C-alpha atoms as a PDB file:
ATOM      1  CA  MET A   1     -24.285   2.673  11.300  1.00  0.00           C
ATOM      2  CA  PRO A   2     -20.602   3.633  11.419  1.00  0.00           C
ATOM      3  CA  ALA A   3     -17.909   1.716   9.583  1.00  0.00           C
ATOM      4  CA  TRP A   4     -15.471   1.257  12.452  1.00  0.00           C
ATOM      5  CA  ILE A   5     -11.769   1.885  11.895  1.00  0.00           C
ATOM      6  CA  CYS A   6      -9.137  -0.028  13.843  1.00  0.00           C
ATOM      7  CA  TRP A   7      -6.950   2.383  15.801  1.00  0.00           C
ATOM      8  CA  THR A   8      -3.832   0.230  15.398  1.00  0.00           C
ATOM      9  CA  CYS A   9      -3.863  -0.732  11.706  1.00  0.00           C
ATOM     10  CA  GLY A  10      -6.320   1.849  10.329  1.00  0.00           C
ATOM     11  CA  VAL A  11      -8.389  -0.682   8.359  1.00  0.00           C
ATOM     12  CA  GLN A  12     -12.113   0.028   8.141  1.00  0.00           C
ATOM     13  CA  GLN A  13     -14.581  -2.727   9.005  1.00  0.00           C
ATOM     14  CA  ALA A  14     -18.103  -3.507   7.820  1.00  0.00           C
ATOM     15  CA  ASP A  15     -20.893  -1.209   9.029  1.00  0.00           C
ATOM     16  CA  THR A  16     -22.192  -2.331  12.447  1.00  0.00           C
ATOM     17  CA  VAL A  17     -24.003  -0.660  15.322  1.00  0.00           C
ATOM     18  CA  THR A  18     -21.290  -1.595  17.803  1.00  0.00           C
ATOM     19  CA  PRO A  19     -17.578  -2.156  17.163  1.00  0.00           C
ATOM     20  CA  PRO A  20     -16.357  -5.702  16.400  1.00  0.00           C
ATOM     21  CA  GLU A  21     -14.736  -7.601  19.251  1.00  0.00           C
ATOM     22  CA  SER A  22     -11.408  -7.741  17.441  1.00  0.00           C
ATOM     23  CA  CYS A  23      -9.622  -6.743  14.257  1.00  0.00           C
ATOM     24  CA  PRO A  24      -8.620  -9.784  12.159  1.00  0.00           C
ATOM     25  CA  ILE A  25      -5.805  -7.795  10.548  1.00  0.00           C
ATOM     26  CA  CYS A  26      -4.207  -7.025  13.920  1.00  0.00           C
ATOM     27  CA  SER A  27      -4.846 -10.497  15.339  1.00  0.00           C
ATOM     28  CA  ASP A  28      -2.720 -12.004  12.562  1.00  0.00           C
ATOM     29  CA  GLU A  29       0.918 -12.702  13.439  1.00  0.00           C
ATOM     30  CA  ARG A  30       2.151 -10.130  10.912  1.00  0.00           C
ATOM     31  CA  GLN A  31       0.541  -7.294  12.874  1.00  0.00           C
ATOM     32  CA  TYR A  32      -0.302  -6.784  16.563  1.00  0.00           C
ATOM     33  CA  VAL A  33      -3.064  -5.587  18.869  1.00  0.00           C
ATOM     34  CA  GLY A  34      -2.191  -2.255  20.473  1.00  0.00           C
ATOM     35  CA  TRP A  35      -0.790  -2.390  23.990  1.00  0.00           C
ATOM     36  CA  GLU A  36      -3.928  -0.696  25.291  1.00  0.00           C
ATOM     37  CA  GLY A  37      -6.101  -3.406  23.743  1.00  0.00           C
ATOM     38  CA  GLN A  38      -8.428  -3.241  20.764  1.00  0.00           C
ATOM     39  CA  ARG A  39      -9.546   0.351  20.059  1.00  0.00           C
ATOM     40  CA  TRP A  40     -11.851   1.731  17.393  1.00  0.00           C
ATOM     41  CA  THR A  41     -12.607   5.092  15.837  1.00  0.00           C
ATOM     42  CA  THR A  42     -14.691   6.401  12.928  1.00  0.00           C
ATOM     43  CA  MET A  43     -14.114   8.618   9.916  1.00  0.00           C
ATOM     44  CA  ALA A  44     -16.023  11.442  11.603  1.00  0.00           C
ATOM     45  CA  GLU A  45     -13.850  11.250  14.700  1.00  0.00           C
ATOM     46  CA  LEU A  46     -10.671  11.204  12.629  1.00  0.00           C
ATOM     47  CA  ALA A  47     -11.810  14.253  10.665  1.00  0.00           C
ATOM     48  CA  GLY A  48     -12.242  16.137  13.936  1.00  0.00           C
ATOM     49  CA  GLU A  49      -8.705  15.323  15.098  1.00  0.00           C
ATOM     50  CA  ARG A  50      -6.623  15.071  11.942  1.00  0.00           C
ATOM     51  CA  SER A  51      -6.323  16.426   8.427  1.00  0.00           C
ATOM     52  CA  SER A  52      -4.986  15.254   5.106  1.00  0.00           C
ATOM     53  CA  GLU A  53      -1.401  16.037   4.139  1.00  0.00           C
ATOM     54  CA  LEU A  54      -0.891  16.443   0.386  1.00  0.00           C
ATOM     55  CA  ARG A  55       2.524  16.515  -1.268  1.00  0.00           C
ATOM     56  CA  GLU A  56       3.605  16.515  -4.902  1.00  0.00           C
ATOM     57  CA  GLU A  57       6.079  13.630  -5.054  1.00  0.00           C
ATOM     58  CA  GLU A  58       6.867  14.279  -8.726  1.00  0.00           C
ATOM     59  CA  PRO A  59       4.838  15.420 -11.742  1.00  0.00           C
ATOM     60  CA  GLY A  60       1.804  13.152 -12.006  1.00  0.00           C
ATOM     61  CA  LEU A  61       2.229  11.669  -8.531  1.00  0.00           C
ATOM     62  CA  LEU A  62       0.406  13.067  -5.477  1.00  0.00           C
ATOM     63  CA  GLY A  63       1.174  11.783  -1.992  1.00  0.00           C
ATOM     64  CA  ILE A  64      -1.776  11.637   0.411  1.00  0.00           C
ATOM     65  CA  GLY A  65      -1.087  11.189   4.108  1.00  0.00           C
ATOM     66  CA  THR A  66      -2.636  12.028   7.475  1.00  0.00           C
ATOM     67  CA  GLU A  67      -1.430  14.655   9.950  1.00  0.00           C
ATOM     68  CA  PRO A  68      -0.825  13.890  12.785  1.00  0.00           C
ATOM     69  CA  SER A  69       0.123  10.391  11.737  1.00  0.00           C
ATOM     70  CA  PHE A  70      -2.485   7.686  12.326  1.00  0.00           C
ATOM     71  CA  ALA A  71      -2.242   3.896  12.735  1.00  0.00           C
ATOM     72  CA  ILE A  72       0.615   2.530  10.587  1.00  0.00           C
ATOM     73  CA  GLY A  73       1.289   6.001   9.228  1.00  0.00           C
ATOM     74  CA  GLN A  74       1.506   5.163   5.523  1.00  0.00           C
ATOM     75  CA  ARG A  75       0.711   7.557   2.711  1.00  0.00           C
ATOM     76  CA  ALA A  76      -1.206   6.745  -0.443  1.00  0.00           C
ATOM     77  CA  LEU A  77      -0.120   7.750  -3.965  1.00  0.00           C
ATOM     78  CA  LEU A  78      -2.385   9.080  -6.714  1.00  0.00           C
ATOM     79  CA  VAL A  79      -0.933   8.280 -10.135  1.00  0.00           C
ATOM     80  CA  SER A  80      -2.348  10.587 -12.823  1.00  0.00           C
ATOM     81  CA  THR A  81      -2.394   9.416 -16.444  1.00  0.00           C
ATOM     82  CA  GLU A  82      -4.158  10.489 -19.627  1.00  0.00           C
ATOM     83  CA  ASN A  83      -6.180   7.268 -19.354  1.00  0.00           C
ATOM     84  CA  GLY A  84      -7.414   7.931 -15.823  1.00  0.00           C
ATOM     85  CA  ASN A  85      -6.044   8.106 -12.301  1.00  0.00           C
ATOM     86  CA  VAL A  86      -5.167   5.232  -9.983  1.00  0.00           C
ATOM     87  CA  LEU A  87      -4.928   5.464  -6.198  1.00  0.00           C
ATOM     88  CA  TRP A  88      -2.146   3.224  -4.962  1.00  0.00           C
ATOM     89  CA  ASP A  89      -2.783   2.083  -1.397  1.00  0.00           C
ATOM     90  CA  CYS A  90      -5.117   4.040   0.854  1.00  0.00           C
ATOM     91  CA  VAL A  91      -5.416   5.960   4.115  1.00  0.00           C
ATOM     92  CA  SER A  92      -8.092   5.970   6.796  1.00  0.00           C
ATOM     93  CA  LEU A  93      -9.136   9.610   6.402  1.00  0.00           C
ATOM     94  CA  LEU A  94     -10.944  11.247   3.488  1.00  0.00           C
ATOM     95  CA  ASP A  95     -11.578  14.914   4.253  1.00  0.00           C
ATOM     96  CA  ASP A  96     -12.674  17.877   2.135  1.00  0.00           C
ATOM     97  CA  ALA A  97      -9.125  18.923   1.300  1.00  0.00           C
ATOM     98  CA  ALA A  98      -8.154  15.525  -0.060  1.00  0.00           C
ATOM     99  CA  TYR A  99     -11.441  15.098  -1.904  1.00  0.00           C
ATOM    100  CA  SER A 100     -11.176  18.503  -3.564  1.00  0.00           C
ATOM    101  CA  GLU A 101      -7.594  18.022  -4.713  1.00  0.00           C
ATOM    102  CA  VAL A 102      -8.183  14.516  -6.080  1.00  0.00           C
ATOM    103  CA  ALA A 103     -11.349  15.683  -7.839  1.00  0.00           C
ATOM    104  CA  ARG A 104      -9.436  18.619  -9.340  1.00  0.00           C
ATOM    105  CA  ARG A 105      -6.959  16.138 -10.807  1.00  0.00           C
ATOM    106  CA  GLY A 106      -9.705  14.070 -12.426  1.00  0.00           C
ATOM    107  CA  GLY A 107     -10.854  11.723  -9.666  1.00  0.00           C
ATOM    108  CA  ILE A 108     -10.033   8.019  -9.388  1.00  0.00           C
ATOM    109  CA  GLU A 109     -10.703   5.211 -11.859  1.00  0.00           C
ATOM    110  CA  ALA A 110      -9.369   2.415  -9.683  1.00  0.00           C
ATOM    111  CA  ILE A 111      -7.890   1.830  -6.235  1.00  0.00           C
ATOM    112  CA  CYS A 112      -5.087  -0.729  -6.157  1.00  0.00           C
ATOM    113  CA  LEU A 113      -3.606  -1.998  -2.917  1.00  0.00           C
ATOM    114  CA  SER A 114      -0.209  -3.430  -2.055  1.00  0.00           C
ATOM    115  CA  HIS A 115      -1.445  -5.614   0.815  1.00  0.00           C
ATOM    116  CA  PRO A 116      -4.151  -5.769   3.547  1.00  0.00           C
ATOM    117  CA  HIS A 117      -2.334  -3.542   6.063  1.00  0.00           C
ATOM    118  CA  PHE A 118      -2.919  -0.621   3.678  1.00  0.00           C
ATOM    119  CA  TYR A 119      -6.576  -1.289   2.778  1.00  0.00           C
ATOM    120  CA  ALA A 120      -7.544   1.491   5.214  1.00  0.00           C
ATOM    121  CA  ALA A 121     -10.824   3.174   4.155  1.00  0.00           C
ATOM    122  CA  CYS A 122     -10.617   2.059   0.516  1.00  0.00           C
ATOM    123  CA  VAL A 123     -14.381   1.442   0.256  1.00  0.00           C
ATOM    124  CA  GLU A 124     -15.119   4.980   1.494  1.00  0.00           C
ATOM    125  CA  TRP A 125     -12.702   6.417  -1.078  1.00  0.00           C
ATOM    126  CA  ALA A 126     -14.145   4.229  -3.845  1.00  0.00           C
ATOM    127  CA  GLU A 127     -17.679   5.342  -3.093  1.00  0.00           C
ATOM    128  CA  ALA A 128     -16.668   8.993  -3.044  1.00  0.00           C
ATOM    129  CA  PHE A 129     -15.072   8.778  -6.505  1.00  0.00           C
ATOM    130  CA  ASP A 130     -17.151   5.984  -8.077  1.00  0.00           C
ATOM    131  CA  ALA A 131     -14.029   3.855  -8.405  1.00  0.00           C
ATOM    132  CA  ARG A 132     -13.258   0.152  -8.656  1.00  0.00           C
ATOM    133  CA  ILE A 133     -11.219  -1.565  -5.934  1.00  0.00           C
ATOM    134  CA  LEU A 134      -8.755  -4.100  -7.343  1.00  0.00           C
ATOM    135  CA  ILE A 135      -7.663  -6.760  -4.846  1.00  0.00           C
ATOM    136  CA  PRO A 136      -5.756  -9.960  -5.682  1.00  0.00           C
ATOM    137  CA  ALA A 137      -7.831 -13.108  -5.194  1.00  0.00           C
ATOM    138  CA  ALA A 138      -5.011 -14.500  -3.049  1.00  0.00           C
ATOM    139  CA  ASP A 139      -5.875 -11.911  -0.363  1.00  0.00           C
ATOM    140  CA  GLN A 140      -9.654 -12.093  -0.647  1.00  0.00           C
ATOM    141  CA  GLN A 141      -9.949 -13.465   2.897  1.00  0.00           C
ATOM    142  CA  TRP A 142      -8.478 -10.222   4.295  1.00  0.00           C
ATOM    143  CA  ILE A 143     -11.202  -7.944   2.963  1.00  0.00           C
ATOM    144  CA  GLN A 144     -12.769  -6.412   6.067  1.00  0.00           C
ATOM    145  CA  ARG A 145     -15.456  -4.224   4.512  1.00  0.00           C
ATOM    146  CA  PRO A 146     -17.158  -6.079   1.641  1.00  0.00           C
ATOM    147  CA  SER A 147     -18.267  -3.990  -1.324  1.00  0.00           C
ATOM    148  CA  ALA A 148     -19.661  -4.547  -4.790  1.00  0.00           C
ATOM    149  CA  ARG A 149     -16.878  -2.265  -5.988  1.00  0.00           C
ATOM    150  CA  VAL A 150     -14.257  -4.926  -5.294  1.00  0.00           C
ATOM    151  CA  ARG A 151     -12.860  -6.717  -8.352  1.00  0.00           C
ATOM    152  CA  LEU A 152     -10.620  -9.730  -7.787  1.00  0.00           C
ATOM    153  CA  TRP A 153      -7.668 -10.484 -10.029  1.00  0.00           C
ATOM    154  CA  GLN A 154      -5.061 -13.233 -10.231  1.00  0.00           C
ATOM    155  CA  ASP A 155      -1.402 -12.565 -11.094  1.00  0.00           C
ATOM    156  CA  SER A 156      -1.538  -9.270 -13.001  1.00  0.00           C
ATOM    157  CA  VAL A 157      -4.025  -6.537 -13.859  1.00  0.00           C
ATOM    158  CA  GLU A 158      -4.063  -3.264 -15.835  1.00  0.00           C
ATOM    159  CA  PRO A 159      -6.154  -0.787 -13.805  1.00  0.00           C
ATOM    160  CA  VAL A 160      -5.966   1.768 -16.643  1.00  0.00           C
ATOM    161  CA  PRO A 161      -4.064   1.494 -19.930  1.00  0.00           C
ATOM    162  CA  GLY A 162      -0.364   2.021 -19.310  1.00  0.00           C
ATOM    163  CA  LEU A 163      -0.218   0.937 -15.655  1.00  0.00           C
ATOM    164  CA  ARG A 164       0.348  -2.619 -14.484  1.00  0.00           C
ATOM    165  CA  VAL A 165      -0.163  -4.164 -11.029  1.00  0.00           C
ATOM    166  CA  ALA A 166       1.542  -7.487 -10.367  1.00  0.00           C
ATOM    167  CA  ARG A 167       1.302  -9.966  -7.524  1.00  0.00           C
ATOM    168  CA  ILE A 168       4.734 -10.694  -6.076  1.00  0.00           C
ATOM    169  CA  GLY A 169       3.858 -12.464  -2.793  1.00  0.00           C
ATOM    170  CA  GLY A 170       6.039 -12.416   0.285  1.00  0.00           C
ATOM    171  CA  HIS A 171       4.555 -10.158   2.949  1.00  0.00           C
ATOM    172  CA  PHE A 172       1.124 -11.590   2.000  1.00  0.00           C
ATOM    173  CA  ASP A 173       0.250 -14.155  -0.663  1.00  0.00           C
ATOM    174  CA  GLY A 174      -1.334 -11.372  -2.695  1.00  0.00           C
ATOM    175  CA  ALA A 175       1.306  -8.727  -1.971  1.00  0.00           C
ATOM    176  CA  ALA A 176       1.582  -6.520  -5.059  1.00  0.00           C
ATOM    177  CA  VAL A 177       3.469  -3.696  -6.746  1.00  0.00           C
ATOM    178  CA  LEU A 178       2.409  -1.088  -9.328  1.00  0.00           C
ATOM    179  CA  HIS A 179       4.614  -0.336 -12.335  1.00  0.00           C
ATOM    180  CA  TRP A 180       4.396   3.223 -13.656  1.00  0.00           C
ATOM    181  CA  PRO A 181       6.498   3.425 -16.841  1.00  0.00           C
ATOM    182  CA  ALA A 182       6.182   7.218 -17.112  1.00  0.00           C
ATOM    183  CA  GLY A 183       7.464   7.778 -13.584  1.00  0.00           C
ATOM    184  CA  ALA A 184      10.921   9.140 -12.767  1.00  0.00           C
ATOM    185  CA  GLU A 185      10.960  11.339 -15.885  1.00  0.00           C
ATOM    186  CA  GLY A 186      10.186   8.359 -18.105  1.00  0.00           C
ATOM    187  CA  ARG A 187      12.734   5.976 -16.578  1.00  0.00           C
ATOM    188  CA  GLY A 188       9.984   4.100 -14.744  1.00  0.00           C
ATOM    189  CA  ALA A 189       8.880   3.850 -11.118  1.00  0.00           C
ATOM    190  CA  LEU A 190       7.790   0.912  -8.992  1.00  0.00           C
ATOM    191  CA  LEU A 191       5.257   1.604  -6.212  1.00  0.00           C
ATOM    192  CA  THR A 192       5.636  -1.022  -3.508  1.00  0.00           C
ATOM    193  CA  GLY A 193       4.050  -0.012  -0.185  1.00  0.00           C
ATOM    194  CA  ASP A 194       6.099  -2.241   2.091  1.00  0.00           C
ATOM    195  CA  THR A 195       5.778  -5.425   0.044  1.00  0.00           C
ATOM    196  CA  ILE A 196       9.270  -4.302  -0.959  1.00  0.00           C
ATOM    197  CA  THR A 197      10.087  -1.758   1.710  1.00  0.00           C
ATOM    198  CA  VAL A 198      12.508   1.134   1.282  1.00  0.00           C
ATOM    199  CA  VAL A 199      14.710   1.195   4.381  1.00  0.00           C
ATOM    200  CA  GLN A 200      16.447   4.050   6.197  1.00  0.00           C
ATOM    201  CA  ASP A 201      19.486   3.733   3.941  1.00  0.00           C
ATOM    202  CA  ARG A 202      17.520   4.613   0.837  1.00  0.00           C
ATOM    203  CA  GLU A 203      19.931   2.890  -1.524  1.00  0.00           C
ATOM    204  CA  TRP A 204      18.501  -0.386  -0.250  1.00  0.00           C
ATOM    205  CA  VAL A 205      15.197  -2.177   0.276  1.00  0.00           C
ATOM    206  CA  SER A 206      14.136  -5.154   2.359  1.00  0.00           C
ATOM    207  CA  PHE A 207      11.507  -7.882   2.575  1.00  0.00           C
ATOM    208  CA  MET A 208       9.724  -9.382   5.594  1.00  0.00           C
ATOM    209  CA  TRP A 209       6.875 -11.668   6.554  1.00  0.00           C
ATOM    210  CA  SER A 210       6.227  -9.349   9.523  1.00  0.00           C
ATOM    211  CA  PHE A 211       7.897  -5.990   9.970  1.00  0.00           C
ATOM    212  CA  PRO A 212       6.718  -5.103  13.502  1.00  0.00           C
ATOM    213  CA  ASN A 213       7.423  -8.620  14.772  1.00  0.00           C
ATOM    214  CA  TYR A 214      10.659  -9.116  12.782  1.00  0.00           C
ATOM    215  CA  ILE A 215       9.719 -12.380  11.085  1.00  0.00           C
ATOM    216  CA  PRO A 216      11.827 -12.895   7.944  1.00  0.00           C
ATOM    217  CA  LEU A 217      10.960 -14.457   4.612  1.00  0.00           C
ATOM    218  CA  ASP A 218      12.507 -17.644   3.246  1.00  0.00           C
ATOM    219  CA  PRO A 219      15.050 -17.753   0.393  1.00  0.00           C
ATOM    220  CA  ALA A 220      12.637 -19.208  -2.183  1.00  0.00           C
ATOM    221  CA  THR A 221      10.160 -16.379  -1.638  1.00  0.00           C
ATOM    222  CA  ILE A 222      12.859 -13.704  -1.946  1.00  0.00           C
ATOM    223  CA  ARG A 223      13.955 -15.193  -5.279  1.00  0.00           C
ATOM    224  CA  GLN A 224      10.315 -15.325  -6.399  1.00  0.00           C
ATOM    225  CA  ILE A 225       9.846 -11.616  -5.642  1.00  0.00           C
ATOM    226  CA  VAL A 226      12.910 -10.674  -7.688  1.00  0.00           C
ATOM    227  CA  GLU A 227      11.779 -12.870 -10.565  1.00  0.00           C
ATOM    228  CA  ARG A 228       8.252 -11.433 -10.604  1.00  0.00           C
ATOM    229  CA  ILE A 229       9.432  -7.822 -10.868  1.00  0.00           C
ATOM    230  CA  SER A 230      12.136  -8.611 -13.439  1.00  0.00           C
ATOM    231  CA  PRO A 231       9.911  -7.759 -16.471  1.00  0.00           C
ATOM    232  CA  PHE A 232       9.530  -4.153 -15.276  1.00  0.00           C
ATOM    233  CA  ALA A 233      11.948  -1.361 -16.117  1.00  0.00           C
ATOM    234  CA  PHE A 234      12.190   1.179 -13.291  1.00  0.00           C
ATOM    235  CA  ASP A 235      14.708   3.595 -11.863  1.00  0.00           C
ATOM    236  CA  ARG A 236      12.768   4.754  -8.799  1.00  0.00           C
ATOM    237  CA  VAL A 237      11.074   2.855  -5.956  1.00  0.00           C
ATOM    238  CA  TYR A 238       8.328   4.470  -3.887  1.00  0.00           C
ATOM    239  CA  GLY A 239       7.819   2.786  -0.533  1.00  0.00           C
ATOM    240  CA  GLY A 240       4.848   3.240   1.752  1.00  0.00           C
ATOM    241  CA  TRP A 241       5.878   6.296   3.827  1.00  0.00           C
ATOM    242  CA  TRP A 242       6.959   9.861   3.281  1.00  0.00           C
ATOM    243  CA  GLY A 243      10.577  10.010   2.180  1.00  0.00           C
ATOM    244  CA  ARG A 244      10.946   6.257   1.708  1.00  0.00           C
ATOM    245  CA  VAL A 245      12.060   6.500  -1.917  1.00  0.00           C
ATOM    246  CA  VAL A 246      14.960   4.947  -3.797  1.00  0.00           C
ATOM    247  CA  VAL A 247      15.543   7.933  -6.064  1.00  0.00           C
ATOM    248  CA  ARG A 248      17.720   6.247  -8.680  1.00  0.00           C
ATOM    249  CA  ASP A 249      19.006   2.823  -9.733  1.00  0.00           C
ATOM    250  CA  GLY A 250      15.961   1.212  -8.123  1.00  0.00           C
ATOM    251  CA  ALA A 251      16.008  -2.077 -10.036  1.00  0.00           C
ATOM    252  CA  ALA A 252      19.637  -2.672  -9.095  1.00  0.00           C
ATOM    253  CA  ALA A 253      18.841  -1.706  -5.486  1.00  0.00           C
ATOM    254  CA  VAL A 254      16.205  -4.446  -5.309  1.00  0.00           C
ATOM    255  CA  ARG A 255      18.575  -7.039  -6.783  1.00  0.00           C
ATOM    256  CA  ARG A 256      21.500  -6.240  -4.526  1.00  0.00           C
ATOM    257  CA  SER A 257      19.222  -6.002  -1.483  1.00  0.00           C
ATOM    258  CA  ALA A 258      17.775  -9.417  -2.239  1.00  0.00           C
ATOM    259  CA  GLN A 259      21.252 -10.882  -2.592  1.00  0.00           C
ATOM    260  CA  ARG A 260      22.358  -9.333   0.703  1.00  0.00           C
ATOM    261  CA  TYR A 261      19.261 -10.803   2.368  1.00  0.00           C
ATOM    262  CA  LEU A 262      19.975 -14.262   0.917  1.00  0.00           C
ATOM    263  CA  ASP A 263      23.628 -14.063   1.963  1.00  0.00           C
ATOM    264  CA  ARG A 264      22.661 -13.295   5.562  1.00  0.00           C
ATOM    265  CA  LEU A 265      20.122 -16.138   5.628  1.00  0.00           C
ATOM    266  CA  ALA A 266      22.899 -18.436   4.454  1.00  0.00           C
ATOM    267  CA  GLY A 267      25.171 -17.252   7.261  1.00  0.00           C
ATOM    268  CA  GLU A 268      27.537 -15.304   5.007  1.00  0.00           C
ATOM    269  CA  ARG A 269      29.035 -12.132   6.426  1.00  0.00           C
ATOM    270  CA  PRO A 270      30.328  -9.094   4.533  1.00  0.00           C
END
């Protein structure tokens, strides 16, 4: 039985003979059902139409995307450490090229996910590399393809020694970030998906309840996000798409972006 993949969000569902009637991820107000209605595909179909795109983001950090772009269009990040590798977020396609390159780098110890929109084919990837899938308990209800590989955690977890994943909330209750102290030449990097999204002006970030539907977050949640990342030292922020990177002064970029957001919510103008 195929594990159906939603064409709009790219999240893989449980194995069934026929596709589900709807995708719970897309039916939620933070996402949307495609204008052509609910559509499904499979890993085999994707492999016949698309291929993996692999880019070295910096030493020890491999970007994994899909070409042509599929669904939301995010790219995953493989963080390599001497204590094992962690895949941050996921994509819907796992082909021979991606498998071979990840295996060459030592495989995957754990898959950690920023939020449900980026779960993609995480079970397929976990099975291929005998990896754990770490999902915050706060987002347990959004798991679409159950697996014994899933491990639930609460507010913080260390997928391998030296890396820390923390729940910050906002976009989803379990929305999370990964802190990589060795990133950015030892100045630290924060991997955020779009729980903290890097915007077109890459000296800034932003925060939303729903990005495609433009639903903002409230002031208390914005302050909570800033507070929850305050223990981490980082100079670089990696968002969820190619090129969406705050290259330097990332911690200050988050703080000033949060203050700008709060000022606009309060009706203050520049």
